[in-house]
Amino acid sequence: MSQSLTLELSEQVFAAIQRQAQALGISPAQFATTLLEQQFPQAVKSLLDDAEKHAARVRFERHFGTLTSGDSTDLDNESIDADLAKEYASAHEGD
């Protein structure tokens, strides 16, 4: 849901917004909206309704997954510790 808000800006402020928006290839209204959203991120976030929160969580959880490295011992702590001990020992053998 969105709402409209009419603002009265000085010529200088509008010109600055218009220049920045033009440089980004968006409308002055879109640029001003983005500025306001960035200024109040916590307020915007707290206003999300439950459906939006759920949709955001689903989008976030799409990034969850598993790691398959091809080496079954890659993520085994004992194997990692043994490899580290071997490396540390071999690094000091030449000293």
C-alpha atoms as a PDB file:
ATOM      1  CA  MET A   1       0.000   0.000   0.000  1.00  0.00           C
ATOM      2  CA  SER A   2       1.300   3.449  -0.771  1.00  0.00           C
ATOM      3  CA  GLN A   3       0.204   6.949   0.094  1.00  0.00           C
ATOM      4  CA  SER A   4       0.670  10.298  -1.586  1.00  0.00           C
ATOM      5  CA  LEU A   5       2.259  13.248   0.170  1.00  0.00           C
ATOM      6  CA  THR A   6       2.377  16.717  -1.301  1.00  0.00           C
ATOM      7  CA  LEU A   7       5.432  18.753  -0.307  1.00  0.00           C
ATOM      8  CA  GLU A   8       6.302  22.361  -0.899  1.00  0.00           C
ATOM      9  CA  LEU A   9      10.022  22.744  -1.604  1.00  0.00           C
ATOM     10  CA  SER A  10      12.191  25.741  -2.259  1.00  0.00           C
ATOM     11  CA  GLU A  11      13.452  26.150  -5.806  1.00  0.00           C
ATOM     12  CA  GLN A  12      16.985  25.278  -4.711  1.00  0.00           C
ATOM     13  CA  VAL A  13      15.975  22.049  -2.976  1.00  0.00           C
ATOM     14  CA  PHE A  14      13.781  20.965  -5.884  1.00  0.00           C
ATOM     15  CA  ALA A  15      16.560  21.763  -8.374  1.00  0.00           C
ATOM     16  CA  ALA A  16      19.017  19.651  -6.367  1.00  0.00           C
ATOM     17  CA  ILE A  17      16.576  16.736  -6.189  1.00  0.00           C
ATOM     18  CA  GLN A  18      15.801  17.055  -9.880  1.00  0.00           C
ATOM     19  CA  ARG A  19      19.526  17.035 -10.837  1.00  0.00           C
ATOM     20  CA  GLN A  20      20.248  13.972  -8.730  1.00  0.00           C
ATOM     21  CA  ALA A  21      17.187  12.130 -10.008  1.00  0.00           C
ATOM     22  CA  GLN A  22      18.068  12.939 -13.601  1.00  0.00           C
ATOM     23  CA  ALA A  23      21.614  11.664 -13.070  1.00  0.00           C
ATOM     24  CA  LEU A  24      20.173   8.390 -11.776  1.00  0.00           C
ATOM     25  CA  GLY A  25      17.556   8.160 -14.496  1.00  0.00           C
ATOM     26  CA  ILE A  26      14.578   8.274 -12.128  1.00  0.00           C
ATOM     27  CA  SER A  27      11.849  10.784 -11.386  1.00  0.00           C
ATOM     28  CA  PRO A  28      12.284  13.464  -8.697  1.00  0.00           C
ATOM     29  CA  ALA A  29       9.425  11.818  -6.782  1.00  0.00           C
ATOM     30  CA  GLN A  30      11.202   8.445  -6.808  1.00  0.00           C
ATOM     31  CA  PHE A  31      14.433  10.089  -5.679  1.00  0.00           C
ATOM     32  CA  ALA A  32      12.714  11.968  -2.830  1.00  0.00           C
ATOM     33  CA  THR A  33      10.946   8.773  -1.748  1.00  0.00           C
ATOM     34  CA  THR A  34      14.259   6.910  -1.660  1.00  0.00           C
ATOM     35  CA  LEU A  35      15.847   9.696   0.389  1.00  0.00           C
ATOM     36  CA  LEU A  36      13.040   9.581   2.933  1.00  0.00           C
ATOM     37  CA  GLU A  37      13.136   5.779   3.175  1.00  0.00           C
ATOM     38  CA  GLN A  38      16.907   5.886   3.751  1.00  0.00           C
ATOM     39  CA  GLN A  39      16.501   8.587   6.395  1.00  0.00           C
ATOM     40  CA  PHE A  40      14.037   6.493   8.421  1.00  0.00           C
ATOM     41  CA  PRO A  41      14.914   2.829   7.798  1.00  0.00           C
ATOM     42  CA  GLN A  42      13.891   1.583  11.261  1.00  0.00           C
ATOM     43  CA  ALA A  43      10.524   3.357  11.090  1.00  0.00           C
ATOM     44  CA  VAL A  44       9.833   1.890   7.655  1.00  0.00           C
ATOM     45  CA  LYS A  45      10.914  -1.567   8.792  1.00  0.00           C
ATOM     46  CA  SER A  46       8.738  -1.489  11.907  1.00  0.00           C
ATOM     47  CA  LEU A  47       5.683  -0.653   9.791  1.00  0.00           C
ATOM     48  CA  LEU A  48       5.853  -3.858   7.760  1.00  0.00           C
ATOM     49  CA  ASP A  49       2.708  -5.893   8.226  1.00  0.00           C
ATOM     50  CA  ASP A  50       2.835  -9.606   8.959  1.00  0.00           C
ATOM     51  CA  ALA A  51       2.412 -10.615   5.320  1.00  0.00           C
ATOM     52  CA  GLU A  52       5.335  -8.415   4.266  1.00  0.00           C
ATOM     53  CA  LYS A  53       7.457  -9.786   7.127  1.00  0.00           C
ATOM     54  CA  HIS A  54       6.640 -13.331   6.041  1.00  0.00           C
ATOM     55  CA  ALA A  55       7.459 -12.546   2.399  1.00  0.00           C
ATOM     56  CA  ALA A  56      10.764 -10.974   3.448  1.00  0.00           C
ATOM     57  CA  ARG A  57      11.619 -14.036   5.552  1.00  0.00           C
ATOM     58  CA  VAL A  58      10.816 -16.382   2.640  1.00  0.00           C
ATOM     59  CA  ARG A  59      13.085 -14.330   0.331  1.00  0.00           C
ATOM     60  CA  PHE A  60      15.844 -14.459   2.972  1.00  0.00           C
ATOM     61  CA  GLU A  61      15.484 -18.195   3.542  1.00  0.00           C
ATOM     62  CA  ARG A  62      15.884 -18.882  -0.184  1.00  0.00           C
ATOM     63  CA  HIS A  63      19.584 -18.221   0.426  1.00  0.00           C
ATOM     64  CA  PHE A  64      19.831 -21.120   2.888  1.00  0.00           C
ATOM     65  CA  GLY A  65      21.449 -24.245   1.551  1.00  0.00           C
ATOM     66  CA  THR A  66      24.050 -26.918   1.970  1.00  0.00           C
ATOM     67  CA  LEU A  67      27.679 -27.130   1.095  1.00  0.00           C
ATOM     68  CA  THR A  68      29.023 -30.077  -0.825  1.00  0.00           C
ATOM     69  CA  SER A  69      32.748 -29.878  -1.293  1.00  0.00           C
ATOM     70  CA  GLY A  70      33.310 -33.345  -2.685  1.00  0.00           C
ATOM     71  CA  ASP A  71      35.652 -34.239   0.186  1.00  0.00           C
ATOM     72  CA  SER A  72      33.716 -35.947   2.967  1.00  0.00           C
ATOM     73  CA  THR A  73      36.315 -34.959   5.591  1.00  0.00           C
ATOM     74  CA  ASP A  74      36.419 -31.241   4.721  1.00  0.00           C
ATOM     75  CA  LEU A  75      34.034 -30.306   7.495  1.00  0.00           C
ATOM     76  CA  ASP A  76      35.161 -32.889  10.056  1.00  0.00           C
ATOM     77  CA  ASN A  77      36.720 -31.073  13.045  1.00  0.00           C
ATOM     78  CA  GLU A  78      39.043 -33.923  13.968  1.00  0.00           C
ATOM     79  CA  SER A  79      40.362 -34.093  10.417  1.00  0.00           C
ATOM     80  CA  ILE A  80      40.838 -30.321  10.319  1.00  0.00           C
ATOM     81  CA  ASP A  81      42.679 -30.379  13.654  1.00  0.00           C
ATOM     82  CA  ALA A  82      44.949 -33.191  12.426  1.00  0.00           C
ATOM     83  CA  ASP A  83      45.706 -31.296   9.206  1.00  0.00           C
ATOM     84  CA  LEU A  84      46.547 -28.138  11.169  1.00  0.00           C
ATOM     85  CA  ALA A  85      48.807 -30.035  13.579  1.00  0.00           C
ATOM     86  CA  LYS A  86      50.624 -31.632  10.642  1.00  0.00           C
ATOM     87  CA  GLU A  87      51.104 -28.227   8.974  1.00  0.00           C
ATOM     88  CA  TYR A  88      52.336 -26.562  12.160  1.00  0.00           C
ATOM     89  CA  ALA A  89      54.809 -29.404  12.771  1.00  0.00           C
ATOM     90  CA  SER A  90      56.144 -29.335   9.206  1.00  0.00           C
ATOM     91  CA  ALA A  91      56.569 -25.542   9.287  1.00  0.00           C
ATOM     92  CA  HIS A  92      58.921 -25.827  12.279  1.00  0.00           C
ATOM     93  CA  GLU A  93      60.933 -28.832  11.096  1.00  0.00           C
ATOM     94  CA  GLY A  94      63.306 -26.676   9.044  1.00  0.00           C
ATOM     95  CA  ASP A  95      64.056 -24.244  11.944  1.00  0.00           C
END
